[in-house]
Amino acid sequence: AVSAFGLVIVIWLWAFPFPRRLPDVATVLLSMLVITILAL
């Protein structure tokens, strides 16, 4: 789960270095998805 979360953050940092609403929201949602999959 930490590796998958790391991928989400790495993509966010490299692809979107400047604030953008849609990628930022997508990153939060993907992080929540990782946590959900972790619990399951």
PDB file of all heavy atoms in Angstrom:
ATOM      1  N   ALA A   1       0.826  -1.208   0.000  1.00  0.00           N
ATOM      2  CA  ALA A   1       0.000   0.000   0.000  1.00  0.00           C
ATOM      3  C   ALA A   1       0.863   1.263   0.000  1.00  0.00           C
ATOM      4  O   ALA A   1       0.570   2.225  -0.723  1.00  0.00           O
ATOM      5  CB  ALA A   1      -0.929  -0.004   1.213  1.00  0.00           C
ATOM      6  N   VAL A   2       1.938   1.261   0.779  1.00  0.00           N
ATOM      7  CA  VAL A   2       2.834   2.417   0.817  1.00  0.00           C
ATOM      8  C   VAL A   2       3.512   2.604  -0.543  1.00  0.00           C
ATOM      9  O   VAL A   2       3.703   3.731  -1.007  1.00  0.00           O
ATOM     10  CB  VAL A   2       3.872   2.257   1.944  1.00  0.00           C
ATOM     11  CG1 VAL A   2       4.961   3.319   1.844  1.00  0.00           C
ATOM     12  CG2 VAL A   2       3.189   2.342   3.301  1.00  0.00           C
ATOM     13  N   SER A   3       3.858   1.501  -1.207  1.00  0.00           N
ATOM     14  CA  SER A   3       4.453   1.601  -2.542  1.00  0.00           C
ATOM     15  C   SER A   3       3.464   2.177  -3.548  1.00  0.00           C
ATOM     16  O   SER A   3       3.817   3.016  -4.379  1.00  0.00           O
ATOM     17  CB  SER A   3       4.934   0.225  -3.012  1.00  0.00           C
ATOM     18  OG  SER A   3       6.024  -0.232  -2.239  1.00  0.00           O
ATOM     19  N   ALA A   4       2.201   1.726  -3.485  1.00  0.00           N
ATOM     20  CA  ALA A   4       1.177   2.249  -4.388  1.00  0.00           C
ATOM     21  C   ALA A   4       0.903   3.725  -4.102  1.00  0.00           C
ATOM     22  O   ALA A   4       0.777   4.539  -5.023  1.00  0.00           O
ATOM     23  CB  ALA A   4      -0.108   1.437  -4.257  1.00  0.00           C
ATOM     24  N   PHE A   5       0.818   4.073  -2.815  1.00  0.00           N
ATOM     25  CA  PHE A   5       0.635   5.475  -2.434  1.00  0.00           C
ATOM     26  C   PHE A   5       1.817   6.312  -2.927  1.00  0.00           C
ATOM     27  O   PHE A   5       1.639   7.438  -3.415  1.00  0.00           O
ATOM     28  CB  PHE A   5       0.503   5.585  -0.921  1.00  0.00           C
ATOM     29  CG  PHE A   5       0.456   6.994  -0.403  1.00  0.00           C
ATOM     30  CD1 PHE A   5      -0.654   7.791  -0.615  1.00  0.00           C
ATOM     31  CD2 PHE A   5       1.535   7.519   0.301  1.00  0.00           C
ATOM     32  CE1 PHE A   5      -0.695   9.101  -0.133  1.00  0.00           C
ATOM     33  CE2 PHE A   5       1.501   8.815   0.782  1.00  0.00           C
ATOM     34  CZ  PHE A   5       0.392   9.606   0.563  1.00  0.00           C
ATOM     35  N   GLY A   6       3.021   5.745  -2.815  1.00  0.00           N
ATOM     36  CA  GLY A   6       4.197   6.451  -3.320  1.00  0.00           C
ATOM     37  C   GLY A   6       4.112   6.714  -4.808  1.00  0.00           C
ATOM     38  O   GLY A   6       4.504   7.787  -5.285  1.00  0.00           O
ATOM     39  N   LEU A   7       3.592   5.752  -5.565  1.00  0.00           N
ATOM     40  CA  LEU A   7       3.407   5.963  -7.005  1.00  0.00           C
ATOM     41  C   LEU A   7       2.457   7.120  -7.275  1.00  0.00           C
ATOM     42  O   LEU A   7       2.708   7.959  -8.159  1.00  0.00           O
ATOM     43  CB  LEU A   7       2.865   4.688  -7.653  1.00  0.00           C
ATOM     44  CG  LEU A   7       3.869   3.669  -8.160  1.00  0.00           C
ATOM     45  CD1 LEU A   7       3.147   2.400  -8.604  1.00  0.00           C
ATOM     46  CD2 LEU A   7       4.689   4.241  -9.317  1.00  0.00           C
ATOM     47  N   VAL A   8       1.358   7.180  -6.529  1.00  0.00           N
ATOM     48  CA  VAL A   8       0.389   8.265  -6.704  1.00  0.00           C
ATOM     49  C   VAL A   8       1.058   9.616  -6.467  1.00  0.00           C
ATOM     50  O   VAL A   8       0.905  10.549  -7.275  1.00  0.00           O
ATOM     51  CB  VAL A   8      -0.806   8.081  -5.740  1.00  0.00           C
ATOM     52  CG1 VAL A   8      -1.731   9.304  -5.775  1.00  0.00           C
ATOM     53  CG2 VAL A   8      -1.594   6.833  -6.095  1.00  0.00           C
ATOM     54  N   ILE A   9       1.818   9.734  -5.388  1.00  0.00           N
ATOM     55  CA  ILE A   9       2.460  11.003  -5.060  1.00  0.00           C
ATOM     56  C   ILE A   9       3.577  11.334  -6.051  1.00  0.00           C
ATOM     57  O   ILE A   9       3.746  12.491  -6.461  1.00  0.00           O
ATOM     58  CB  ILE A   9       3.016  10.962  -3.624  1.00  0.00           C
ATOM     59  CG1 ILE A   9       1.883  10.723  -2.624  1.00  0.00           C
ATOM     60  CG2 ILE A   9       3.740  12.263  -3.289  1.00  0.00           C
ATOM     61  CD1 ILE A   9       0.798  11.777  -2.642  1.00  0.00           C
ATOM     62  N   VAL A  10       4.343  10.336  -6.457  1.00  0.00           N
ATOM     63  CA  VAL A  10       5.425  10.573  -7.431  1.00  0.00           C
ATOM     64  C   VAL A  10       4.858  11.090  -8.755  1.00  0.00           C
ATOM     65  O   VAL A  10       5.398  12.034  -9.349  1.00  0.00           O
ATOM     66  CB  VAL A  10       6.231   9.267  -7.640  1.00  0.00           C
ATOM     67  CG1 VAL A  10       7.064   9.336  -8.910  1.00  0.00           C
ATOM     68  CG2 VAL A  10       7.121   9.003  -6.430  1.00  0.00           C
ATOM     69  N   ILE A  11       3.772  10.489  -9.210  1.00  0.00           N
ATOM     70  CA  ILE A  11       3.135  10.958 -10.442  1.00  0.00           C
ATOM     71  C   ILE A  11       2.654  12.392 -10.267  1.00  0.00           C
ATOM     72  O   ILE A  11       2.847  13.247 -11.150  1.00  0.00           O
ATOM     73  CB  ILE A  11       1.959  10.029 -10.828  1.00  0.00           C
ATOM     74  CG1 ILE A  11       2.482   8.653 -11.206  1.00  0.00           C
ATOM     75  CG2 ILE A  11       1.147  10.633 -11.982  1.00  0.00           C
ATOM     76  CD1 ILE A  11       1.400   7.596 -11.303  1.00  0.00           C
ATOM     77  N   TRP A  12       2.032  12.683  -9.142  1.00  0.00           N
ATOM     78  CA  TRP A  12       1.514  14.027  -8.858  1.00  0.00           C
ATOM     79  C   TRP A  12       2.641  15.058  -8.867  1.00  0.00           C
ATOM     80  O   TRP A  12       2.512  16.140  -9.453  1.00  0.00           O
ATOM     81  CB  TRP A  12       0.805  13.992  -7.505  1.00  0.00           C
ATOM     82  CG  TRP A  12       0.189  15.278  -7.065  1.00  0.00           C
ATOM     83  CD1 TRP A  12      -0.839  15.950  -7.661  1.00  0.00           C
ATOM     84  CD2 TRP A  12       0.553  16.041  -5.907  1.00  0.00           C
ATOM     85  NE1 TRP A  12      -1.140  17.079  -6.936  1.00  0.00           N
ATOM     86  CE2 TRP A  12      -0.309  17.164  -5.857  1.00  0.00           C
ATOM     87  CE3 TRP A  12       1.505  15.874  -4.900  1.00  0.00           C
ATOM     88  CZ2 TRP A  12      -0.235  18.121  -4.845  1.00  0.00           C
ATOM     89  CZ3 TRP A  12       1.573  16.828  -3.896  1.00  0.00           C
ATOM     90  CH2 TRP A  12       0.723  17.931  -3.873  1.00  0.00           C
ATOM     91  N   LEU A  13       3.765  14.709  -8.238  1.00  0.00           N
ATOM     92  CA  LEU A  13       4.880  15.653  -8.157  1.00  0.00           C
ATOM     93  C   LEU A  13       5.528  15.894  -9.513  1.00  0.00           C
ATOM     94  O   LEU A  13       5.836  17.043  -9.878  1.00  0.00           O
ATOM     95  CB  LEU A  13       5.925  15.128  -7.170  1.00  0.00           C
ATOM     96  CG  LEU A  13       5.586  15.229  -5.683  1.00  0.00           C
ATOM     97  CD1 LEU A  13       6.644  14.506  -4.854  1.00  0.00           C
ATOM     98  CD2 LEU A  13       5.485  16.686  -5.256  1.00  0.00           C
ATOM     99  N   TRP A  14       5.754  14.821 -10.270  1.00  0.00           N
ATOM    100  CA  TRP A  14       6.459  14.985 -11.541  1.00  0.00           C
ATOM    101  C   TRP A  14       5.566  15.561 -12.636  1.00  0.00           C
ATOM    102  O   TRP A  14       6.005  16.421 -13.410  1.00  0.00           O
ATOM    103  CB  TRP A  14       7.002  13.633 -12.012  1.00  0.00           C
ATOM    104  CG  TRP A  14       8.284  13.231 -11.363  1.00  0.00           C
ATOM    105  CD1 TRP A  14       8.490  12.193 -10.500  1.00  0.00           C
ATOM    106  CD2 TRP A  14       9.572  13.850 -11.522  1.00  0.00           C
ATOM    107  NE1 TRP A  14       9.807  12.135 -10.114  1.00  0.00           N
ATOM    108  CE2 TRP A  14      10.487  13.135 -10.729  1.00  0.00           C
ATOM    109  CE3 TRP A  14      10.024  14.934 -12.264  1.00  0.00           C
ATOM    110  CZ2 TRP A  14      11.830  13.476 -10.648  1.00  0.00           C
ATOM    111  CZ3 TRP A  14      11.368  15.275 -12.193  1.00  0.00           C
ATOM    112  CH2 TRP A  14      12.249  14.548 -11.387  1.00  0.00           C
ATOM    113  N   ALA A  15       4.327  15.106 -12.713  1.00  0.00           N
ATOM    114  CA  ALA A  15       3.469  15.515 -13.832  1.00  0.00           C
ATOM    115  C   ALA A  15       2.805  16.868 -13.612  1.00  0.00           C
ATOM    116  O   ALA A  15       2.504  17.572 -14.582  1.00  0.00           O
ATOM    117  CB  ALA A  15       2.393  14.450 -14.077  1.00  0.00           C
ATOM    118  N   PHE A  16       2.575  17.229 -12.352  1.00  0.00           N
ATOM    119  CA  PHE A  16       1.839  18.465 -12.068  1.00  0.00           C
ATOM    120  C   PHE A  16       2.594  19.289 -11.027  1.00  0.00           C
ATOM    121  O   PHE A  16       2.187  19.364  -9.864  1.00  0.00           O
ATOM    122  CB  PHE A  16       0.428  18.143 -11.575  1.00  0.00           C
ATOM    123  CG  PHE A  16      -0.336  17.235 -12.499  1.00  0.00           C
ATOM    124  CD1 PHE A  16      -0.509  15.892 -12.189  1.00  0.00           C
ATOM    125  CD2 PHE A  16      -0.859  17.720 -13.697  1.00  0.00           C
ATOM    126  CE1 PHE A  16      -1.207  15.057 -13.042  1.00  0.00           C
ATOM    127  CE2 PHE A  16      -1.546  16.885 -14.554  1.00  0.00           C
ATOM    128  CZ  PHE A  16      -1.727  15.556 -14.233  1.00  0.00           C
ATOM    129  N   PRO A  17       3.700  19.912 -11.422  1.00  0.00           N
ATOM    130  CA  PRO A  17       4.504  20.661 -10.449  1.00  0.00           C
ATOM    131  C   PRO A  17       3.833  21.937  -9.951  1.00  0.00           C
ATOM    132  O   PRO A  17       4.266  22.489  -8.941  1.00  0.00           O
ATOM    133  CB  PRO A  17       5.781  20.985 -11.234  1.00  0.00           C
ATOM    134  CG  PRO A  17       5.370  20.953 -12.668  1.00  0.00           C
ATOM    135  CD  PRO A  17       4.307  19.902 -12.764  1.00  0.00           C
ATOM    136  N   PHE A  18       2.803  22.385 -10.637  1.00  0.00           N
ATOM    137  CA  PHE A  18       2.121  23.614 -10.257  1.00  0.00           C
ATOM    138  C   PHE A  18       0.655  23.324  -9.963  1.00  0.00           C
ATOM    139  O   PHE A  18       0.076  22.395 -10.527  1.00  0.00           O
ATOM    140  CB  PHE A  18       2.257  24.656 -11.370  1.00  0.00           C
ATOM    141  CG  PHE A  18       3.684  24.887 -11.772  1.00  0.00           C
ATOM    142  CD1 PHE A  18       4.181  24.345 -12.946  1.00  0.00           C
ATOM    143  CD2 PHE A  18       4.547  25.609 -10.972  1.00  0.00           C
ATOM    144  CE1 PHE A  18       5.495  24.527 -13.323  1.00  0.00           C
ATOM    145  CE2 PHE A  18       5.864  25.796 -11.323  1.00  0.00           C
ATOM    146  CZ  PHE A  18       6.352  25.253 -12.506  1.00  0.00           C
ATOM    147  N   PRO A  19       0.048  24.089  -9.058  1.00  0.00           N
ATOM    148  CA  PRO A  19      -1.325  23.791  -8.623  1.00  0.00           C
ATOM    149  C   PRO A  19      -2.319  23.700  -9.779  1.00  0.00           C
ATOM    150  O   PRO A  19      -2.389  24.583 -10.627  1.00  0.00           O
ATOM    151  CB  PRO A  19      -1.653  24.975  -7.702  1.00  0.00           C
ATOM    152  CG  PRO A  19      -0.323  25.438  -7.190  1.00  0.00           C
ATOM    153  CD  PRO A  19       0.627  25.238  -8.334  1.00  0.00           C
ATOM    154  N   ARG A  20      -3.058  22.599  -9.788  1.00  0.00           N
ATOM    155  CA  ARG A  20      -4.144  22.387 -10.748  1.00  0.00           C
ATOM    156  C   ARG A  20      -5.241  21.611 -10.050  1.00  0.00           C
ATOM    157  O   ARG A  20      -4.977  20.557  -9.469  1.00  0.00           O
ATOM    158  CB  ARG A  20      -3.643  21.632 -11.990  1.00  0.00           C
ATOM    159  CG  ARG A  20      -2.703  22.450 -12.862  1.00  0.00           C
ATOM    160  CD  ARG A  20      -2.189  21.661 -14.046  1.00  0.00           C
ATOM    161  NE  ARG A  20      -3.264  21.212 -14.911  1.00  0.00           N
ATOM    162  CZ  ARG A  20      -3.063  20.500 -16.029  1.00  0.00           C
ATOM    163  NH1 ARG A  20      -1.824  20.156 -16.364  1.00  0.00           N
ATOM    164  NH2 ARG A  20      -4.067  20.121 -16.769  1.00  0.00           N
ATOM    165  N   ARG A  21      -6.438  22.104 -10.107  1.00  0.00           N
ATOM    166  CA  ARG A  21      -7.521  21.570  -9.289  1.00  0.00           C
ATOM    167  C   ARG A  21      -7.847  20.112  -9.613  1.00  0.00           C
ATOM    168  O   ARG A  21      -7.911  19.273  -8.706  1.00  0.00           O
ATOM    169  CB  ARG A  21      -8.777  22.435  -9.466  1.00  0.00           C
ATOM    170  CG  ARG A  21      -9.944  21.973  -8.602  1.00  0.00           C
ATOM    171  CD  ARG A  21     -11.139  22.909  -8.715  1.00  0.00           C
ATOM    172  NE  ARG A  21     -12.239  22.437  -7.921  1.00  0.00           N
ATOM    173  CZ  ARG A  21     -12.376  22.600  -6.620  1.00  0.00           C
ATOM    174  NH1 ARG A  21     -11.427  23.244  -5.952  1.00  0.00           N
ATOM    175  NH2 ARG A  21     -13.429  22.142  -5.964  1.00  0.00           N
ATOM    176  N   LEU A  22      -8.059  19.779 -10.873  1.00  0.00           N
ATOM    177  CA  LEU A  22      -8.480  18.432 -11.235  1.00  0.00           C
ATOM    178  C   LEU A  22      -7.435  17.381 -10.858  1.00  0.00           C
ATOM    179  O   LEU A  22      -7.782  16.361 -10.222  1.00  0.00           O
ATOM    180  CB  LEU A  22      -8.817  18.360 -12.721  1.00  0.00           C
ATOM    181  CG  LEU A  22      -9.350  17.016 -13.222  1.00  0.00           C
ATOM    182  CD1 LEU A  22     -10.617  16.626 -12.458  1.00  0.00           C
ATOM    183  CD2 LEU A  22      -9.644  17.082 -14.724  1.00  0.00           C
ATOM    184  N   PRO A  23      -6.155  17.542 -11.209  1.00  0.00           N
ATOM    185  CA  PRO A  23      -5.159  16.543 -10.778  1.00  0.00           C
ATOM    186  C   PRO A  23      -5.037  16.448  -9.261  1.00  0.00           C
ATOM    187  O   PRO A  23      -4.808  15.358  -8.726  1.00  0.00           O
ATOM    188  CB  PRO A  23      -3.857  17.053 -11.412  1.00  0.00           C
ATOM    189  CG  PRO A  23      -4.287  17.906 -12.553  1.00  0.00           C
ATOM    190  CD  PRO A  23      -5.564  18.540 -12.112  1.00  0.00           C
ATOM    191  N   ASP A  24      -5.194  17.570  -8.569  1.00  0.00           N
ATOM    192  CA  ASP A  24      -5.090  17.549  -7.112  1.00  0.00           C
ATOM    193  C   ASP A  24      -6.224  16.730  -6.500  1.00  0.00           C
ATOM    194  O   ASP A  24      -6.007  15.917  -5.586  1.00  0.00           O
ATOM    195  CB  ASP A  24      -5.105  18.968  -6.557  1.00  0.00           C
ATOM    196  CG  ASP A  24      -3.858  19.754  -6.940  1.00  0.00           C
ATOM    197  OD1 ASP A  24      -2.930  19.151  -7.512  1.00  0.00           O
ATOM    198  OD2 ASP A  24      -3.821  20.960  -6.673  1.00  0.00           O
ATOM    199  N   VAL A  25      -7.441  16.942  -6.996  1.00  0.00           N
ATOM    200  CA  VAL A  25      -8.585  16.173  -6.502  1.00  0.00           C
ATOM    201  C   VAL A  25      -8.416  14.691  -6.836  1.00  0.00           C
ATOM    202  O   VAL A  25      -8.690  13.816  -6.004  1.00  0.00           O
ATOM    203  CB  VAL A  25      -9.897  16.721  -7.097  1.00  0.00           C
ATOM    204  CG1 VAL A  25     -11.071  15.803  -6.754  1.00  0.00           C
ATOM    205  CG2 VAL A  25     -10.167  18.133  -6.578  1.00  0.00           C
ATOM    206  N   ALA A  26      -7.957  14.385  -8.054  1.00  0.00           N
ATOM    207  CA  ALA A  26      -7.751  12.996  -8.453  1.00  0.00           C
ATOM    208  C   ALA A  26      -6.711  12.313  -7.563  1.00  0.00           C
ATOM    209  O   ALA A  26      -6.851  11.134  -7.210  1.00  0.00           O
ATOM    210  CB  ALA A  26      -7.329  12.927  -9.917  1.00  0.00           C
ATOM    211  N   THR A  27      -5.674  13.052  -7.178  1.00  0.00           N
ATOM    212  CA  THR A  27      -4.640  12.497  -6.303  1.00  0.00           C
ATOM    213  C   THR A  27      -5.207  12.151  -4.930  1.00  0.00           C
ATOM    214  O   THR A  27      -4.895  11.097  -4.361  1.00  0.00           O
ATOM    215  CB  THR A  27      -3.469  13.487  -6.163  1.00  0.00           C
ATOM    216  OG1 THR A  27      -2.898  13.716  -7.463  1.00  0.00           O
ATOM    217  CG2 THR A  27      -2.401  12.958  -5.228  1.00  0.00           C
ATOM    218  N   VAL A  28      -6.040  13.030  -4.395  1.00  0.00           N
ATOM    219  CA  VAL A  28      -6.674  12.760  -3.100  1.00  0.00           C
ATOM    220  C   VAL A  28      -7.566  11.517  -3.196  1.00  0.00           C
ATOM    221  O   VAL A  28      -7.545  10.640  -2.321  1.00  0.00           O
ATOM    222  CB  VAL A  28      -7.489  13.977  -2.634  1.00  0.00           C
ATOM    223  CG1 VAL A  28      -8.309  13.626  -1.389  1.00  0.00           C
ATOM    224  CG2 VAL A  28      -6.568  15.157  -2.338  1.00  0.00           C
ATOM    225  N   LEU A  29      -8.356  11.422  -4.262  1.00  0.00           N
ATOM    226  CA  LEU A  29      -9.257  10.282  -4.430  1.00  0.00           C
ATOM    227  C   LEU A  29      -8.484   8.977  -4.593  1.00  0.00           C
ATOM    228  O   LEU A  29      -8.866   7.938  -4.026  1.00  0.00           O
ATOM    229  CB  LEU A  29     -10.176  10.505  -5.629  1.00  0.00           C
ATOM    230  CG  LEU A  29     -11.196  11.645  -5.486  1.00  0.00           C
ATOM    231  CD1 LEU A  29     -11.987  11.828  -6.779  1.00  0.00           C
ATOM    232  CD2 LEU A  29     -12.131  11.397  -4.324  1.00  0.00           C
ATOM    233  N   LEU A  30      -7.393   9.008  -5.350  1.00  0.00           N
ATOM    234  CA  LEU A  30      -6.579   7.805  -5.511  1.00  0.00           C
ATOM    235  C   LEU A  30      -5.933   7.395  -4.194  1.00  0.00           C
ATOM    236  O   LEU A  30      -5.824   6.197  -3.888  1.00  0.00           O
ATOM    237  CB  LEU A  30      -5.501   8.042  -6.571  1.00  0.00           C
ATOM    238  CG  LEU A  30      -5.947   7.949  -8.029  1.00  0.00           C
ATOM    239  CD1 LEU A  30      -4.829   8.396  -8.960  1.00  0.00           C
ATOM    240  CD2 LEU A  30      -6.372   6.516  -8.372  1.00  0.00           C
ATOM    241  N   SER A  31      -5.502   8.366  -3.396  1.00  0.00           N
ATOM    242  CA  SER A  31      -4.922   8.059  -2.088  1.00  0.00           C
ATOM    243  C   SER A  31      -5.952   7.397  -1.189  1.00  0.00           C
ATOM    244  O   SER A  31      -5.643   6.431  -0.471  1.00  0.00           O
ATOM    245  CB  SER A  31      -4.387   9.334  -1.437  1.00  0.00           C
ATOM    246  OG  SER A  31      -3.386   9.940  -2.235  1.00  0.00           O
ATOM    247  N   MET A  32      -7.187   7.889  -1.230  1.00  0.00           N
ATOM    248  CA  MET A  32      -8.260   7.275  -0.451  1.00  0.00           C
ATOM    249  C   MET A  32      -8.563   5.864  -0.951  1.00  0.00           C
ATOM    250  O   MET A  32      -8.859   4.964  -0.161  1.00  0.00           O
ATOM    251  CB  MET A  32      -9.511   8.154  -0.522  1.00  0.00           C
ATOM    252  CG  MET A  32      -9.349   9.499   0.163  1.00  0.00           C
ATOM    253  SD  MET A  32     -10.764  10.601  -0.100  1.00  0.00           S
ATOM    254  CE  MET A  32     -12.078   9.664   0.682  1.00  0.00           C
ATOM    255  N   LEU A  33      -8.457   5.665  -2.275  1.00  0.00           N
ATOM    256  CA  LEU A  33      -8.667   4.327  -2.836  1.00  0.00           C
ATOM    257  C   LEU A  33      -7.603   3.357  -2.329  1.00  0.00           C
ATOM    258  O   LEU A  33      -7.909   2.194  -2.006  1.00  0.00           O
ATOM    259  CB  LEU A  33      -8.648   4.399  -4.362  1.00  0.00           C
ATOM    260  CG  LEU A  33      -8.797   3.067  -5.111  1.00  0.00           C
ATOM    261  CD1 LEU A  33     -10.133   2.404  -4.769  1.00  0.00           C
ATOM    262  CD2 LEU A  33      -8.670   3.284  -6.617  1.00  0.00           C
ATOM    263  N   VAL A  34      -6.356   3.800  -2.252  1.00  0.00           N
ATOM    264  CA  VAL A  34      -5.279   2.951  -1.737  1.00  0.00           C
ATOM    265  C   VAL A  34      -5.570   2.538  -0.300  1.00  0.00           C
ATOM    266  O   VAL A  34      -5.395   1.363   0.081  1.00  0.00           O
ATOM    267  CB  VAL A  34      -3.927   3.687  -1.834  1.00  0.00           C
ATOM    268  CG1 VAL A  34      -2.835   2.899  -1.086  1.00  0.00           C
ATOM    269  CG2 VAL A  34      -3.511   3.867  -3.288  1.00  0.00           C
ATOM    270  N   ILE A  35      -6.033   3.488   0.520  1.00  0.00           N
ATOM    271  CA  ILE A  35      -6.353   3.174   1.917  1.00  0.00           C
ATOM    272  C   ILE A  35      -7.490   2.163   1.997  1.00  0.00           C
ATOM    273  O   ILE A  35      -7.469   1.228   2.811  1.00  0.00           O
ATOM    274  CB  ILE A  35      -6.713   4.470   2.673  1.00  0.00           C
ATOM    275  CG1 ILE A  35      -5.491   5.391   2.753  1.00  0.00           C
ATOM    276  CG2 ILE A  35      -7.228   4.148   4.075  1.00  0.00           C
ATOM    277  CD1 ILE A  35      -5.782   6.760   3.316  1.00  0.00           C
ATOM    278  N   THR A  36      -8.494   2.334   1.136  1.00  0.00           N
ATOM    279  CA  THR A  36      -9.624   1.401   1.121  1.00  0.00           C
ATOM    280  C   THR A  36      -9.178  -0.001   0.726  1.00  0.00           C
ATOM    281  O   THR A  36      -9.555  -1.003   1.365  1.00  0.00           O
ATOM    282  CB  THR A  36     -10.703   1.892   0.142  1.00  0.00           C
ATOM    283  OG1 THR A  36     -11.139   3.199   0.529  1.00  0.00           O
ATOM    284  CG2 THR A  36     -11.897   0.957   0.131  1.00  0.00           C
ATOM    285  N   ILE A  37      -8.354  -0.097  -0.317  1.00  0.00           N
ATOM    286  CA  ILE A  37      -7.849  -1.407  -0.754  1.00  0.00           C
ATOM    287  C   ILE A  37      -6.980  -2.030   0.333  1.00  0.00           C
ATOM    288  O   ILE A  37      -6.998  -3.253   0.544  1.00  0.00           O
ATOM    289  CB  ILE A  37      -7.074  -1.273  -2.078  1.00  0.00           C
ATOM    290  CG1 ILE A  37      -7.997  -0.755  -3.186  1.00  0.00           C
ATOM    291  CG2 ILE A  37      -6.477  -2.618  -2.488  1.00  0.00           C
ATOM    292  CD1 ILE A  37      -7.269  -0.453  -4.487  1.00  0.00           C
ATOM    293  N   LEU A  38      -6.220  -1.200   1.044  1.00  0.00           N
ATOM    294  CA  LEU A  38      -5.392  -1.693   2.144  1.00  0.00           C
ATOM    295  C   LEU A  38      -6.259  -2.358   3.214  1.00  0.00           C
ATOM    296  O   LEU A  38      -5.952  -3.477   3.668  1.00  0.00           O
ATOM    297  CB  LEU A  38      -4.596  -0.540   2.754  1.00  0.00           C
ATOM    298  CG  LEU A  38      -3.876  -0.832   4.076  1.00  0.00           C
ATOM    299  CD1 LEU A  38      -2.831  -1.923   3.900  1.00  0.00           C
ATOM    300  CD2 LEU A  38      -3.243   0.447   4.622  1.00  0.00           C
ATOM    301  N   ALA A  39      -7.341  -1.687   3.618  1.00  0.00           N
ATOM    302  CA  ALA A  39      -8.218  -2.248   4.652  1.00  0.00           C
ATOM    303  C   ALA A  39      -8.838  -3.566   4.190  1.00  0.00           C
ATOM    304  O   ALA A  39      -8.880  -4.548   4.942  1.00  0.00           O
ATOM    305  CB  ALA A  39      -9.307  -1.239   5.004  1.00  0.00           C
ATOM    306  N   LEU A  40      -9.288  -3.610   2.947  1.00  0.00           N
ATOM    307  CA  LEU A  40      -9.877  -4.837   2.413  1.00  0.00           C
ATOM    308  C   LEU A  40      -8.837  -5.949   2.325  1.00  0.00           C
ATOM    309  O   LEU A  40      -9.129  -7.119   2.608  1.00  0.00           O
ATOM    310  CB  LEU A  40     -10.485  -4.573   1.035  1.00  0.00           C
ATOM    311  CG  LEU A  40     -11.697  -3.629   0.993  1.00  0.00           C
ATOM    312  CD1 LEU A  40     -12.086  -3.329  -0.456  1.00  0.00           C
ATOM    313  CD2 LEU A  40     -12.876  -4.234   1.744  1.00  0.00           C
TER     314      LEU A  40
END
